[in-house]
Amino acid sequence: MVDRCCGRRISVNQIKQLTPADATALFSDVQLGFTARCHVETIGFLSQQIRSIEKVVLPKVSLRPEFEILLTMPGIGKILGLTIMLEICDIRRFARAGNFASYCRCVRNQKLSNTKDDRSRRP
């Protein structure tokens, strides 16, 4: 929003440090300032909720070693890693990595016939 409306970039760490008043002050337009303040307040609220959930969940369950690698992926923290682990149960139920990627909906569903998309022919 800052990049689009003000023509300058701010880092994620700078965004995390913004107070609602700081966010409002970034914009000369009142409505944009209000929107920025709402975004910062939402980020703060959700961050607090995540911390609360982690306090309750983390002492009760731990990530199994085969799922530790999930934590190396950007955007996957302890709670999301645990969610994935608990949903999947035994990773060995997927014969190949491609089967797991498909299960996660990371693989495009493509039906080709003579290099043409065959889905267009279906009713």
C-alpha atoms as a PDB file:
ATOM      1  CA  MET A   1       0.000   0.000   0.000  1.00  0.00           C
ATOM      2  CA  VAL A   2       2.868   2.353   0.831  1.00  0.00           C
ATOM      3  CA  ASP A   3       4.652   1.430  -2.385  1.00  0.00           C
ATOM      4  CA  ARG A   4       1.521   1.859  -4.490  1.00  0.00           C
ATOM      5  CA  CYS A   5       0.294   5.108  -2.943  1.00  0.00           C
ATOM      6  CA  CYS A   6       3.517   6.843  -1.848  1.00  0.00           C
ATOM      7  CA  GLY A   7       6.065   5.467  -4.307  1.00  0.00           C
ATOM      8  CA  ARG A   8       8.409   4.127  -1.638  1.00  0.00           C
ATOM      9  CA  ARG A   9       9.001   0.763  -0.060  1.00  0.00           C
ATOM     10  CA  ILE A  10       9.189  -0.190   3.574  1.00  0.00           C
ATOM     11  CA  SER A  11      10.421  -3.510   4.897  1.00  0.00           C
ATOM     12  CA  VAL A  12       8.360  -6.113   6.710  1.00  0.00           C
ATOM     13  CA  ASN A  13      10.314  -5.382   9.892  1.00  0.00           C
ATOM     14  CA  GLN A  14       9.466  -1.688   9.575  1.00  0.00           C
ATOM     15  CA  ILE A  15       5.795  -2.562   9.123  1.00  0.00           C
ATOM     16  CA  LYS A  16       5.867  -4.755  12.235  1.00  0.00           C
ATOM     17  CA  GLN A  17       7.239  -1.829  14.251  1.00  0.00           C
ATOM     18  CA  LEU A  18       4.578   0.655  13.098  1.00  0.00           C
ATOM     19  CA  THR A  19       2.080   1.943  15.606  1.00  0.00           C
ATOM     20  CA  PRO A  20      -1.416   2.795  14.351  1.00  0.00           C
ATOM     21  CA  ALA A  21      -0.490   6.489  14.599  1.00  0.00           C
ATOM     22  CA  ASP A  22       2.696   5.911  12.570  1.00  0.00           C
ATOM     23  CA  ALA A  23       0.708   4.116   9.880  1.00  0.00           C
ATOM     24  CA  THR A  24      -1.791   6.985   9.671  1.00  0.00           C
ATOM     25  CA  ALA A  25       1.041   9.518   9.367  1.00  0.00           C
ATOM     26  CA  LEU A  26       2.510   7.750   6.322  1.00  0.00           C
ATOM     27  CA  PHE A  27      -0.320   9.056   4.133  1.00  0.00           C
ATOM     28  CA  SER A  28      -1.502  12.580   3.411  1.00  0.00           C
ATOM     29  CA  ASP A  29      -4.933  11.288   2.383  1.00  0.00           C
ATOM     30  CA  VAL A  30      -7.203  10.770   5.410  1.00  0.00           C
ATOM     31  CA  GLN A  31      -8.887   7.651   4.023  1.00  0.00           C
ATOM     32  CA  LEU A  32      -5.576   6.002   3.150  1.00  0.00           C
ATOM     33  CA  GLY A  33      -4.250   6.825   6.612  1.00  0.00           C
ATOM     34  CA  PHE A  34      -7.363   5.273   8.164  1.00  0.00           C
ATOM     35  CA  THR A  35      -6.950   2.142   6.044  1.00  0.00           C
ATOM     36  CA  ALA A  36      -3.272   1.856   7.001  1.00  0.00           C
ATOM     37  CA  ARG A  37      -4.144   2.243  10.680  1.00  0.00           C
ATOM     38  CA  CYS A  38      -6.766  -0.521  10.371  1.00  0.00           C
ATOM     39  CA  HIS A  39      -4.229  -2.807   8.690  1.00  0.00           C
ATOM     40  CA  VAL A  40      -1.655  -2.236  11.437  1.00  0.00           C
ATOM     41  CA  GLU A  41      -4.263  -2.842  14.136  1.00  0.00           C
ATOM     42  CA  THR A  42      -5.320  -6.063  12.392  1.00  0.00           C
ATOM     43  CA  ILE A  43      -1.709  -7.240  12.156  1.00  0.00           C
ATOM     44  CA  GLY A  44      -1.269  -6.524  15.868  1.00  0.00           C
ATOM     45  CA  PHE A  45      -4.464  -8.349  16.821  1.00  0.00           C
ATOM     46  CA  LEU A  46      -3.673 -11.411  14.719  1.00  0.00           C
ATOM     47  CA  SER A  47      -0.094 -11.522  16.008  1.00  0.00           C
ATOM     48  CA  GLN A  48      -1.421 -11.537  19.575  1.00  0.00           C
ATOM     49  CA  GLN A  49      -3.898 -14.309  18.729  1.00  0.00           C
ATOM     50  CA  ILE A  50      -1.083 -16.382  17.204  1.00  0.00           C
ATOM     51  CA  ARG A  51       1.008 -15.955  20.364  1.00  0.00           C
ATOM     52  CA  SER A  52      -1.986 -17.015  22.508  1.00  0.00           C
ATOM     53  CA  ILE A  53      -2.589 -20.123  20.400  1.00  0.00           C
ATOM     54  CA  GLU A  54       1.095 -21.036  20.516  1.00  0.00           C
ATOM     55  CA  LYS A  55       1.134 -20.786  24.330  1.00  0.00           C
ATOM     56  CA  VAL A  56      -1.672 -23.329  24.568  1.00  0.00           C
ATOM     57  CA  VAL A  57      -0.708 -25.688  21.732  1.00  0.00           C
ATOM     58  CA  LEU A  58       3.080 -25.882  21.792  1.00  0.00           C
ATOM     59  CA  PRO A  59       3.393 -27.497  25.258  1.00  0.00           C
ATOM     60  CA  LYS A  60       0.965 -30.248  24.225  1.00  0.00           C
ATOM     61  CA  VAL A  61       2.422 -31.403  20.902  1.00  0.00           C
ATOM     62  CA  SER A  62       5.826 -31.365  19.239  1.00  0.00           C
ATOM     63  CA  LEU A  63       6.915 -31.525  15.643  1.00  0.00           C
ATOM     64  CA  ARG A  64       8.206 -34.951  14.661  1.00  0.00           C
ATOM     65  CA  PRO A  65      11.720 -34.960  13.142  1.00  0.00           C
ATOM     66  CA  GLU A  66      10.508 -35.769   9.613  1.00  0.00           C
ATOM     67  CA  PHE A  67       8.478 -32.550   9.624  1.00  0.00           C
ATOM     68  CA  GLU A  68      11.210 -30.251  11.008  1.00  0.00           C
ATOM     69  CA  ILE A  69      12.200 -29.295   7.444  1.00  0.00           C
ATOM     70  CA  LEU A  70       8.841 -27.521   7.085  1.00  0.00           C
ATOM     71  CA  LEU A  71      10.125 -24.804   9.412  1.00  0.00           C
ATOM     72  CA  THR A  72      12.793 -23.850   6.883  1.00  0.00           C
ATOM     73  CA  MET A  73      10.140 -22.695   4.412  1.00  0.00           C
ATOM     74  CA  PRO A  74       9.238 -18.985   4.469  1.00  0.00           C
ATOM     75  CA  GLY A  75       5.836 -18.449   6.014  1.00  0.00           C
ATOM     76  CA  ILE A  76       5.676 -21.772   7.849  1.00  0.00           C
ATOM     77  CA  GLY A  77       6.062 -21.381  11.580  1.00  0.00           C
ATOM     78  CA  LYS A  78       5.601 -23.837  14.404  1.00  0.00           C
ATOM     79  CA  ILE A  79       1.801 -23.769  14.402  1.00  0.00           C
ATOM     80  CA  LEU A  80       1.405 -24.204  10.641  1.00  0.00           C
ATOM     81  CA  GLY A  81       4.083 -26.921  10.682  1.00  0.00           C
ATOM     82  CA  LEU A  82       2.177 -28.721  13.438  1.00  0.00           C
ATOM     83  CA  THR A  83      -1.097 -28.317  11.546  1.00  0.00           C
ATOM     84  CA  ILE A  84       0.425 -29.896   8.443  1.00  0.00           C
ATOM     85  CA  MET A  85       1.967 -32.707  10.479  1.00  0.00           C
ATOM     86  CA  LEU A  86      -1.267 -33.483  12.315  1.00  0.00           C
ATOM     87  CA  GLU A  87      -3.305 -33.476   9.112  1.00  0.00           C
ATOM     88  CA  ILE A  88      -0.909 -35.686   7.175  1.00  0.00           C
ATOM     89  CA  CYS A  89      -0.122 -38.135   9.999  1.00  0.00           C
ATOM     90  CA  ASP A  90       2.295 -40.527   8.279  1.00  0.00           C
ATOM     91  CA  ILE A  91       4.229 -38.898   5.411  1.00  0.00           C
ATOM     92  CA  ARG A  92       4.986 -42.381   4.043  1.00  0.00           C
ATOM     93  CA  ARG A  93       1.395 -42.634   2.799  1.00  0.00           C
ATOM     94  CA  PHE A  94       2.552 -40.558  -0.189  1.00  0.00           C
ATOM     95  CA  ALA A  95       4.545 -42.737  -2.585  1.00  0.00           C
ATOM     96  CA  ARG A  96       6.381 -39.811  -4.170  1.00  0.00           C
ATOM     97  CA  ALA A  97       6.933 -36.123  -3.493  1.00  0.00           C
ATOM     98  CA  GLY A  98       4.641 -35.351  -6.436  1.00  0.00           C
ATOM     99  CA  ASN A  99       1.766 -37.152  -4.722  1.00  0.00           C
ATOM    100  CA  PHE A 100       2.232 -34.971  -1.669  1.00  0.00           C
ATOM    101  CA  ALA A 101       2.455 -31.810  -3.782  1.00  0.00           C
ATOM    102  CA  SER A 102      -0.773 -32.797  -5.504  1.00  0.00           C
ATOM    103  CA  TYR A 103      -2.449 -33.433  -2.132  1.00  0.00           C
ATOM    104  CA  CYS A 104      -1.421 -29.910  -1.094  1.00  0.00           C
ATOM    105  CA  ARG A 105      -2.965 -28.505  -4.309  1.00  0.00           C
ATOM    106  CA  CYS A 106       0.450 -27.261  -5.416  1.00  0.00           C
ATOM    107  CA  VAL A 107       0.221 -29.045  -8.751  1.00  0.00           C
ATOM    108  CA  ARG A 108      -1.867 -27.633 -11.543  1.00  0.00           C
ATOM    109  CA  ASN A 109      -4.646 -29.927 -12.692  1.00  0.00           C
ATOM    110  CA  GLN A 110      -4.054 -30.159 -16.411  1.00  0.00           C
ATOM    111  CA  LYS A 111      -5.675 -32.473 -18.902  1.00  0.00           C
ATOM    112  CA  LEU A 112      -3.920 -32.235 -22.253  1.00  0.00           C
ATOM    113  CA  SER A 113      -4.835 -33.917 -25.493  1.00  0.00           C
ATOM    114  CA  ASN A 114      -2.490 -33.245 -28.405  1.00  0.00           C
ATOM    115  CA  THR A 115      -1.061 -30.274 -26.421  1.00  0.00           C
ATOM    116  CA  LYS A 116      -4.559 -28.755 -26.079  1.00  0.00           C
ATOM    117  CA  ASP A 117      -6.465 -28.320 -22.846  1.00  0.00           C
ATOM    118  CA  ASP A 118      -8.980 -31.162 -22.754  1.00  0.00           C
ATOM    119  CA  ARG A 119     -11.069 -29.592 -19.951  1.00  0.00           C
ATOM    120  CA  SER A 120     -12.767 -27.207 -22.405  1.00  0.00           C
ATOM    121  CA  ARG A 121     -14.607 -30.137 -24.045  1.00  0.00           C
ATOM    122  CA  ARG A 122     -16.299 -31.254 -20.855  1.00  0.00           C
ATOM    123  CA  PRO A 123     -19.893 -30.251 -20.115  1.00  0.00           C
END
